[in-house]
């Protein structure tokens, strides 16, 4: 019975804990384009989508902010750079 309760609570915990952390920190506030209720629902939907592993999102968040904020193309991807850079 305990394992069943852990299985039932895992999905809400995977959604609500990161959403609260993201909304409470400065890192999360910088990634939101709309700091109001719509911005919070974007964050909630992003973590709901990620924990369900379906890959959809509102795309109102700054998805490339933080660890993914790299303006240079990867050295192994010359097809992603402009032809003028060659």
PDB file of N, CA and C in Angstrom:
ATOM      1  N   UNK A   1       0.809  -1.190   0.000  1.00  0.00           N
ATOM      2  CA  UNK A   1       0.000   0.000   0.000  1.00  0.00           C
ATOM      3  C   UNK A   1       0.857   1.261   0.000  1.00  0.00           C
ATOM      4  N   UNK A   2       2.011   1.207   0.701  1.00  0.00           N
ATOM      5  CA  UNK A   2       2.885   2.373   0.743  1.00  0.00           C
ATOM      6  C   UNK A   2       3.482   2.666  -0.628  1.00  0.00           C
ATOM      7  N   UNK A   3       3.829   1.622  -1.359  1.00  0.00           N
ATOM      8  CA  UNK A   3       4.373   1.823  -2.696  1.00  0.00           C
ATOM      9  C   UNK A   3       3.337   2.407  -3.647  1.00  0.00           C
ATOM     10  N   UNK A   4       2.087   2.011  -3.461  1.00  0.00           N
ATOM     11  CA  UNK A   4       1.024   2.570  -4.295  1.00  0.00           C
ATOM     12  C   UNK A   4       0.847   4.062  -4.017  1.00  0.00           C
ATOM     13  N   UNK A   5       0.947   4.459  -2.763  1.00  0.00           N
ATOM     14  CA  UNK A   5       0.816   5.887  -2.428  1.00  0.00           C
ATOM     15  C   UNK A   5       2.009   6.684  -2.966  1.00  0.00           C
ATOM     16  N   UNK A   6       3.191   6.095  -2.920  1.00  0.00           N
ATOM     17  CA  UNK A   6       4.363   6.770  -3.479  1.00  0.00           C
ATOM     18  C   UNK A   6       4.200   6.942  -4.985  1.00  0.00           C
ATOM     19  N   UNK A   7       3.686   5.924  -5.635  1.00  0.00           N
ATOM     20  CA  UNK A   7       3.464   6.006  -7.081  1.00  0.00           C
ATOM     21  C   UNK A   7       2.409   7.054  -7.423  1.00  0.00           C
ATOM     22  N   UNK A   8       1.367   7.165  -6.605  1.00  0.00           N
ATOM     23  CA  UNK A   8       0.323   8.161  -6.863  1.00  0.00           C
ATOM     24  C   UNK A   8       0.791   9.581  -6.573  1.00  0.00           C
ATOM     25  N   UNK A   9       1.688   9.756  -5.627  1.00  0.00           N
ATOM     26  CA  UNK A   9       2.146  11.090  -5.258  1.00  0.00           C
ATOM     27  C   UNK A   9       3.380  11.543  -6.026  1.00  0.00           C
ATOM     28  N   UNK A  10       4.021  10.651  -6.745  1.00  0.00           N
ATOM     29  CA  UNK A  10       5.258  11.014  -7.452  1.00  0.00           C
ATOM     30  C   UNK A  10       4.994  12.065  -8.529  1.00  0.00           C
ATOM     31  N   UNK A  11       3.946  11.918  -9.292  1.00  0.00           N
ATOM     32  CA  UNK A  11       3.672  12.852 -10.380  1.00  0.00           C
ATOM     33  C   UNK A  11       3.335  14.257  -9.869  1.00  0.00           C
ATOM     34  N   UNK A  12       2.452  14.421  -8.894  1.00  0.00           N
ATOM     35  CA  UNK A  12       2.222  15.774  -8.373  1.00  0.00           C
ATOM     36  C   UNK A  12       3.464  16.390  -7.725  1.00  0.00           C
ATOM     37  N   UNK A  13       4.293  15.577  -7.093  1.00  0.00           N
ATOM     38  CA  UNK A  13       5.515  16.114  -6.486  1.00  0.00           C
ATOM     39  C   UNK A  13       6.482  16.572  -7.573  1.00  0.00           C
ATOM     40  N   UNK A  14       6.587  15.811  -8.661  1.00  0.00           N
ATOM     41  CA  UNK A  14       7.458  16.200  -9.762  1.00  0.00           C
ATOM     42  C   UNK A  14       6.973  17.456 -10.472  1.00  0.00           C
ATOM     43  N   UNK A  15       5.728  17.815 -10.302  1.00  0.00           N
ATOM     44  CA  UNK A  15       5.192  19.034 -10.905  1.00  0.00           C
ATOM     45  C   UNK A  15       5.261  20.207  -9.936  1.00  0.00           C
ATOM     46  N   UNK A  16       4.765  20.030  -8.734  1.00  0.00           N
ATOM     47  CA  UNK A  16       4.595  21.157  -7.813  1.00  0.00           C
ATOM     48  C   UNK A  16       5.886  21.631  -7.162  1.00  0.00           C
ATOM     49  N   UNK A  17       6.789  20.723  -6.842  1.00  0.00           N
ATOM     50  CA  UNK A  17       8.030  21.142  -6.193  1.00  0.00           C
ATOM     51  C   UNK A  17       8.898  22.001  -7.124  1.00  0.00           C
ATOM     52  N   UNK A  18       9.186  21.583  -8.354  1.00  0.00           N
ATOM     53  CA  UNK A  18       9.986  22.455  -9.217  1.00  0.00           C
ATOM     54  C   UNK A  18       9.256  23.732  -9.616  1.00  0.00           C
ATOM     55  N   UNK A  19       7.936  23.675  -9.751  1.00  0.00           N
ATOM     56  CA  UNK A  19       7.183  24.886 -10.085  1.00  0.00           C
ATOM     57  C   UNK A  19       7.305  25.919  -8.980  1.00  0.00           C
ATOM     58  N   UNK A  20       7.170  25.486  -7.742  1.00  0.00           N
ATOM     59  CA  UNK A  20       7.319  26.408  -6.625  1.00  0.00           C
ATOM     60  C   UNK A  20       8.724  26.950  -6.512  1.00  0.00           C
ATOM     61  N   UNK A  21       9.713  26.107  -6.731  1.00  0.00           N
ATOM     62  CA  UNK A  21      11.099  26.546  -6.680  1.00  0.00           C
ATOM     63  C   UNK A  21      11.401  27.529  -7.802  1.00  0.00           C
ATOM     64  N   UNK A  22      10.908  27.244  -8.985  1.00  0.00           N
ATOM     65  CA  UNK A  22      11.130  28.108 -10.150  1.00  0.00           C
ATOM     66  C   UNK A  22      10.444  29.450  -9.971  1.00  0.00           C
ATOM     67  N   UNK A  23       9.238  29.454  -9.401  1.00  0.00           N
ATOM     68  CA  UNK A  23       8.499  30.705  -9.212  1.00  0.00           C
ATOM     69  C   UNK A  23       9.066  31.535  -8.072  1.00  0.00           C
ATOM     70  N   UNK A  24       9.718  30.908  -7.109  1.00  0.00           N
ATOM     71  CA  UNK A  24      10.208  31.629  -5.934  1.00  0.00           C
ATOM     72  C   UNK A  24      11.609  32.188  -6.108  1.00  0.00           C
ATOM     73  N   UNK A  25      12.352  31.699  -7.075  1.00  0.00           N
ATOM     74  CA  UNK A  25      13.737  32.143  -7.220  1.00  0.00           C
ATOM     75  C   UNK A  25      13.862  33.202  -8.306  1.00  0.00           C
ATOM     76  N   UNK A  26      14.954  33.924  -8.248  1.00  0.00           N
ATOM     77  CA  UNK A  26      15.227  34.956  -9.232  1.00  0.00           C
ATOM     78  C   UNK A  26      15.495  34.349 -10.605  1.00  0.00           C
ATOM     79  N   UNK A  27      16.067  33.158 -10.631  1.00  0.00           N
ATOM     80  CA  UNK A  27      16.336  32.477 -11.892  1.00  0.00           C
ATOM     81  C   UNK A  27      15.035  32.207 -12.657  1.00  0.00           C
ATOM     82  N   UNK A  28      14.005  31.798 -11.943  1.00  0.00           N
ATOM     83  CA  UNK A  28      12.726  31.542 -12.592  1.00  0.00           C
ATOM     84  C   UNK A  28      12.032  32.812 -13.038  1.00  0.00           C
ATOM     85  N   UNK A  29      12.145  33.872 -12.249  1.00  0.00           N
ATOM     86  CA  UNK A  29      11.493  35.127 -12.618  1.00  0.00           C
ATOM     87  C   UNK A  29      12.128  35.761 -13.842  1.00  0.00           C
ATOM     88  N   UNK A  30      13.429  35.581 -14.029  1.00  0.00           N
ATOM     89  CA  UNK A  30      14.079  36.122 -15.215  1.00  0.00           C
ATOM     90  C   UNK A  30      13.683  35.373 -16.481  1.00  0.00           C
ATOM     91  N   UNK A  31      13.316  34.121 -16.356  1.00  0.00           N
ATOM     92  CA  UNK A  31      12.958  33.327 -17.531  1.00  0.00           C
ATOM     93  C   UNK A  31      11.526  33.569 -17.992  1.00  0.00           C
ATOM     94  N   UNK A  32      10.698  34.159 -17.129  1.00  0.00           N
ATOM     95  CA  UNK A  32       9.301  34.409 -17.491  1.00  0.00           C
ATOM     96  C   UNK A  32       9.176  35.699 -18.289  1.00  0.00           C
ATOM     97  N   UNK A  33       8.433  35.658 -19.381  1.00  0.00           N
ATOM     98  CA  UNK A  33       8.137  36.861 -20.139  1.00  0.00           C
ATOM     99  C   UNK A  33       6.967  37.625 -19.551  1.00  0.00           C
ATOM    100  N   UNK A  34       6.063  36.925 -18.917  1.00  0.00           N
ATOM    101  CA  UNK A  34       4.892  37.536 -18.304  1.00  0.00           C
ATOM    102  C   UNK A  34       4.913  37.190 -16.820  1.00  0.00           C
ATOM    103  N   UNK A  35       5.194  38.158 -15.939  1.00  0.00           N
ATOM    104  CA  UNK A  35       5.329  37.828 -14.523  1.00  0.00           C
ATOM    105  C   UNK A  35       4.005  37.639 -13.785  1.00  0.00           C
ATOM    106  N   UNK A  36       2.887  37.723 -14.462  1.00  0.00           N
ATOM    107  CA  UNK A  36       1.592  37.585 -13.808  1.00  0.00           C
ATOM    108  C   UNK A  36       1.118  36.149 -13.734  1.00  0.00           C
ATOM    109  N   UNK A  37      -0.191  36.008 -13.693  1.00  0.00           N
ATOM    110  CA  UNK A  37      -0.801  34.683 -13.559  1.00  0.00           C
ATOM    111  C   UNK A  37      -0.541  33.822 -14.800  1.00  0.00           C
ATOM    112  N   UNK A  38      -0.496  34.431 -15.960  1.00  0.00           N
ATOM    113  CA  UNK A  38      -0.236  33.659 -17.168  1.00  0.00           C
ATOM    114  C   UNK A  38       1.185  33.101 -17.160  1.00  0.00           C
ATOM    115  N   UNK A  39       2.125  33.863 -16.657  1.00  0.00           N
ATOM    116  CA  UNK A  39       3.495  33.370 -16.541  1.00  0.00           C
ATOM    117  C   UNK A  39       3.597  32.187 -15.597  1.00  0.00           C
ATOM    118  N   UNK A  40       2.866  32.253 -14.481  1.00  0.00           N
ATOM    119  CA  UNK A  40       2.865  31.125 -13.555  1.00  0.00           C
ATOM    120  C   UNK A  40       2.233  29.895 -14.185  1.00  0.00           C
ATOM    121  N   UNK A  41       1.162  30.085 -14.953  1.00  0.00           N
ATOM    122  CA  UNK A  41       0.542  28.928 -15.601  1.00  0.00           C
ATOM    123  C   UNK A  41       1.453  28.357 -16.686  1.00  0.00           C
ATOM    124  N   UNK A  42       2.283  29.207 -17.314  1.00  0.00           N
ATOM    125  CA  UNK A  42       3.267  28.695 -18.263  1.00  0.00           C
ATOM    126  C   UNK A  42       4.276  27.782 -17.566  1.00  0.00           C
ATOM    127  N   UNK A  43       4.745  28.226 -16.399  1.00  0.00           N
ATOM    128  CA  UNK A  43       5.703  27.437 -15.634  1.00  0.00           C
ATOM    129  C   UNK A  43       5.064  26.126 -15.187  1.00  0.00           C
ATOM    130  N   UNK A  44       3.848  26.200 -14.682  1.00  0.00           N
ATOM    131  CA  UNK A  44       3.142  25.003 -14.235  1.00  0.00           C
ATOM    132  C   UNK A  44       2.944  24.026 -15.390  1.00  0.00           C
ATOM    133  N   UNK A  45       2.583  24.542 -16.557  1.00  0.00           N
ATOM    134  CA  UNK A  45       2.379  23.673 -17.717  1.00  0.00           C
ATOM    135  C   UNK A  45       3.691  23.068 -18.197  1.00  0.00           C
ATOM    136  N   UNK A  46       4.776  23.846 -18.162  1.00  0.00           N
ATOM    137  CA  UNK A  46       6.073  23.315 -18.583  1.00  0.00           C
ATOM    138  C   UNK A  46       6.498  22.135 -17.721  1.00  0.00           C
ATOM    139  N   UNK A  47       6.353  22.261 -16.392  1.00  0.00           N
ATOM    140  CA  UNK A  47       6.746  21.164 -15.519  1.00  0.00           C
ATOM    141  C   UNK A  47       5.750  20.008 -15.583  1.00  0.00           C
ATOM    142  N   UNK A  48       4.478  20.290 -15.834  1.00  0.00           N
ATOM    143  CA  UNK A  48       3.516  19.200 -16.033  1.00  0.00           C
ATOM    144  C   UNK A  48       3.854  18.420 -17.287  1.00  0.00           C
ATOM    145  N   UNK A  49       4.206  19.145 -18.335  1.00  0.00           N
ATOM    146  CA  UNK A  49       4.569  18.511 -19.591  1.00  0.00           C
ATOM    147  C   UNK A  49       5.859  17.709 -19.452  1.00  0.00           C
ATOM    148  N   UNK A  50       6.824  18.264 -18.735  1.00  0.00           N
ATOM    149  CA  UNK A  50       8.105  17.565 -18.577  1.00  0.00           C
ATOM    150  C   UNK A  50       7.958  16.315 -17.730  1.00  0.00           C
ATOM    151  N   UNK A  51       7.150  16.375 -16.679  1.00  0.00           N
ATOM    152  CA  UNK A  51       7.008  15.190 -15.827  1.00  0.00           C
ATOM    153  C   UNK A  51       6.167  14.107 -16.494  1.00  0.00           C
ATOM    154  N   UNK A  52       5.290  14.490 -17.419  1.00  0.00           N
ATOM    155  CA  UNK A  52       4.515  13.495 -18.166  1.00  0.00           C
ATOM    156  C   UNK A  52       5.266  13.024 -19.409  1.00  0.00           C
ATOM    157  N   UNK A  53       6.394  13.684 -19.714  1.00  0.00           N
ATOM    158  CA  UNK A  53       7.259  13.348 -20.840  1.00  0.00           C
ATOM    159  C   UNK A  53       6.526  13.425 -22.172  1.00  0.00           C
ATOM    160  N   UNK A  54       5.740  14.512 -22.375  1.00  0.00           N
ATOM    161  CA  UNK A  54       5.080  14.660 -23.662  1.00  0.00           C
ATOM    162  C   UNK A  54       5.682  15.761 -24.520  1.00  0.00           C
ATOM    163  N   UNK A  55       6.540  16.617 -23.972  1.00  0.00           N
ATOM    164  CA  UNK A  55       7.323  17.541 -24.771  1.00  0.00           C
ATOM    165  C   UNK A  55       6.623  18.773 -25.284  1.00  0.00           C
ATOM    166  N   UNK A  56       5.441  19.090 -24.822  1.00  0.00           N
ATOM    167  CA  UNK A  56       4.789  20.307 -25.294  1.00  0.00           C
ATOM    168  C   UNK A  56       5.003  21.424 -24.285  1.00  0.00           C
ATOM    169  N   UNK A  57       4.682  22.648 -24.698  1.00  0.00           N
ATOM    170  CA  UNK A  57       4.846  23.775 -23.796  1.00  0.00           C
ATOM    171  C   UNK A  57       4.234  25.030 -24.381  1.00  0.00           C
ATOM    172  N   UNK A  58       4.066  26.044 -23.541  1.00  0.00           N
ATOM    173  CA  UNK A  58       3.523  27.325 -23.995  1.00  0.00           C
ATOM    174  C   UNK A  58       4.528  28.112 -24.830  1.00  0.00           C
ATOM    175  N   UNK A  59       5.789  27.866 -24.622  1.00  0.00           N
ATOM    176  CA  UNK A  59       6.885  28.567 -25.277  1.00  0.00           C
ATOM    177  C   UNK A  59       6.896  30.056 -24.960  1.00  0.00           C
ATOM    178  N   UNK A  60       6.383  30.433 -23.827  1.00  0.00           N
ATOM    179  CA  UNK A  60       6.479  31.804 -23.380  1.00  0.00           C
ATOM    180  C   UNK A  60       7.647  32.005 -22.444  1.00  0.00           C
ATOM    181  N   UNK A  61       8.268  30.921 -22.050  1.00  0.00           N
ATOM    182  CA  UNK A  61       9.409  31.018 -21.159  1.00  0.00           C
ATOM    183  C   UNK A  61      10.683  31.185 -21.964  1.00  0.00           C
ATOM    184  N   UNK A  62      11.690  31.775 -21.332  1.00  0.00           N
ATOM    185  CA  UNK A  62      12.992  31.870 -21.969  1.00  0.00           C
ATOM    186  C   UNK A  62      13.688  30.530 -21.849  1.00  0.00           C
ATOM    187  N   UNK A  63      13.459  29.631 -22.770  1.00  0.00           N
ATOM    188  CA  UNK A  63      13.960  28.262 -22.664  1.00  0.00           C
ATOM    189  C   UNK A  63      15.473  28.163 -22.719  1.00  0.00           C
ATOM    190  N   UNK A  64      16.129  29.158 -23.278  1.00  0.00           N
ATOM    191  CA  UNK A  64      17.578  29.082 -23.402  1.00  0.00           C
ATOM    192  C   UNK A  64      18.277  29.907 -22.341  1.00  0.00           C
ATOM    193  N   UNK A  65      17.611  30.267 -21.289  1.00  0.00           N
ATOM    194  CA  UNK A  65      18.234  31.066 -20.242  1.00  0.00           C
ATOM    195  C   UNK A  65      18.954  30.154 -19.256  1.00  0.00           C
ATOM    196  N   UNK A  66      20.078  30.579 -18.773  1.00  0.00           N
ATOM    197  CA  UNK A  66      20.780  29.817 -17.745  1.00  0.00           C
ATOM    198  C   UNK A  66      21.820  28.904 -18.324  1.00  0.00           C
ATOM    199  N   UNK A  67      21.743  27.641 -18.015  1.00  0.00           N
ATOM    200  CA  UNK A  67      22.758  26.674 -18.419  1.00  0.00           C
ATOM    201  C   UNK A  67      22.806  26.499 -19.931  1.00  0.00           C
ATOM    202  N   UNK A  68      21.711  26.729 -20.621  1.00  0.00           N
ATOM    203  CA  UNK A  68      21.676  26.555 -22.073  1.00  0.00           C
ATOM    204  C   UNK A  68      21.958  27.843 -22.826  1.00  0.00           C
ATOM    205  N   UNK A  69      22.382  28.897 -22.152  1.00  0.00           N
ATOM    206  CA  UNK A  69      22.589  30.193 -22.773  1.00  0.00           C
ATOM    207  C   UNK A  69      23.960  30.241 -23.441  1.00  0.00           C
ATOM    208  N   UNK A  70      24.055  29.619 -24.598  1.00  0.00           N
ATOM    209  CA  UNK A  70      25.311  29.552 -25.332  1.00  0.00           C
ATOM    210  C   UNK A  70      25.064  30.092 -26.729  1.00  0.00           C
ATOM    211  N   UNK A  71      25.670  31.213 -27.042  1.00  0.00           N
ATOM    212  CA  UNK A  71      25.444  31.835 -28.339  1.00  0.00           C
ATOM    213  C   UNK A  71      26.281  31.222 -29.452  1.00  0.00           C
ATOM    214  N   UNK A  72      27.387  30.589 -29.101  1.00  0.00           N
ATOM    215  CA  UNK A  72      28.247  29.986 -30.122  1.00  0.00           C
ATOM    216  C   UNK A  72      27.702  28.614 -30.520  1.00  0.00           C
ATOM    217  N   UNK A  73      27.814  28.324 -31.803  1.00  0.00           N
ATOM    218  CA  UNK A  73      27.374  27.008 -32.275  1.00  0.00           C
ATOM    219  C   UNK A  73      28.373  25.950 -31.829  1.00  0.00           C
ATOM    220  N   UNK A  74      27.908  24.733 -31.730  1.00  0.00           N
ATOM    221  CA  UNK A  74      28.783  23.629 -31.346  1.00  0.00           C
ATOM    222  C   UNK A  74      29.824  23.415 -32.437  1.00  0.00           C
ATOM    223  N   UNK A  75      31.048  23.051 -32.080  1.00  0.00           N
ATOM    224  CA  UNK A  75      32.088  22.877 -33.103  1.00  0.00           C
ATOM    225  C   UNK A  75      31.817  21.724 -34.062  1.00  0.00           C
ATOM    226  N   UNK A  76      30.983  20.785 -33.676  1.00  0.00           N
ATOM    227  CA  UNK A  76      30.685  19.642 -34.535  1.00  0.00           C
ATOM    228  C   UNK A  76      29.437  19.870 -35.381  1.00  0.00           C
ATOM    229  N   UNK A  77      28.939  21.101 -35.446  1.00  0.00           N
ATOM    230  CA  UNK A  77      27.714  21.363 -36.206  1.00  0.00           C
ATOM    231  C   UNK A  77      27.924  22.506 -37.186  1.00  0.00           C
ATOM    232  N   UNK A  78      28.720  22.314 -38.225  1.00  0.00           N
ATOM    233  CA  UNK A  78      28.940  23.414 -39.167  1.00  0.00           C
ATOM    234  C   UNK A  78      27.688  23.756 -39.973  1.00  0.00           C
ATOM    235  N   UNK A  79      26.732  22.837 -40.074  1.00  0.00           N
ATOM    236  CA  UNK A  79      25.518  23.131 -40.826  1.00  0.00           C
ATOM    237  C   UNK A  79      24.584  24.071 -40.073  1.00  0.00           C
ATOM    238  N   UNK A  80      24.830  24.325 -38.797  1.00  0.00           N
ATOM    239  CA  UNK A  80      24.004  25.251 -38.046  1.00  0.00           C
ATOM    240  C   UNK A  80      24.500  26.686 -38.127  1.00  0.00           C
ATOM    241  N   UNK A  81      25.699  26.885 -38.567  1.00  0.00           N
ATOM    242  CA  UNK A  81      26.238  28.227 -38.686  1.00  0.00           C
ATOM    243  C   UNK A  81      25.867  28.796 -40.034  1.00  0.00           C
ATOM    244  N   UNK A  82      26.005  30.098 -40.165  1.00  0.00           N
ATOM    245  CA  UNK A  82      25.675  30.730 -41.439  1.00  0.00           C
ATOM    246  C   UNK A  82      26.806  30.456 -42.443  1.00  0.00           C
ATOM    247  N   UNK A  83      26.510  30.458 -43.719  1.00  0.00           N
ATOM    248  CA  UNK A  83      27.553  30.211 -44.711  1.00  0.00           C
ATOM    249  C   UNK A  83      28.651  31.277 -44.692  1.00  0.00           C
ATOM    250  N   UNK A  84      28.331  32.483 -44.205  1.00  0.00           N
ATOM    251  CA  UNK A  84      29.338  33.547 -44.150  1.00  0.00           C
ATOM    252  C   UNK A  84      30.408  33.239 -43.111  1.00  0.00           C
ATOM    253  N   UNK A  85      30.093  32.411 -42.120  1.00  0.00           N
ATOM    254  CA  UNK A  85      31.059  32.088 -41.084  1.00  0.00           C
ATOM    255  C   UNK A  85      32.098  31.078 -41.556  1.00  0.00           C
ATOM    256  N   UNK A  86      31.872  30.434 -42.688  1.00  0.00           N
ATOM    257  CA  UNK A  86      32.825  29.445 -43.186  1.00  0.00           C
ATOM    258  C   UNK A  86      33.938  30.168 -43.826  1.00  0.00           C
TER     259      UNK A  86
END
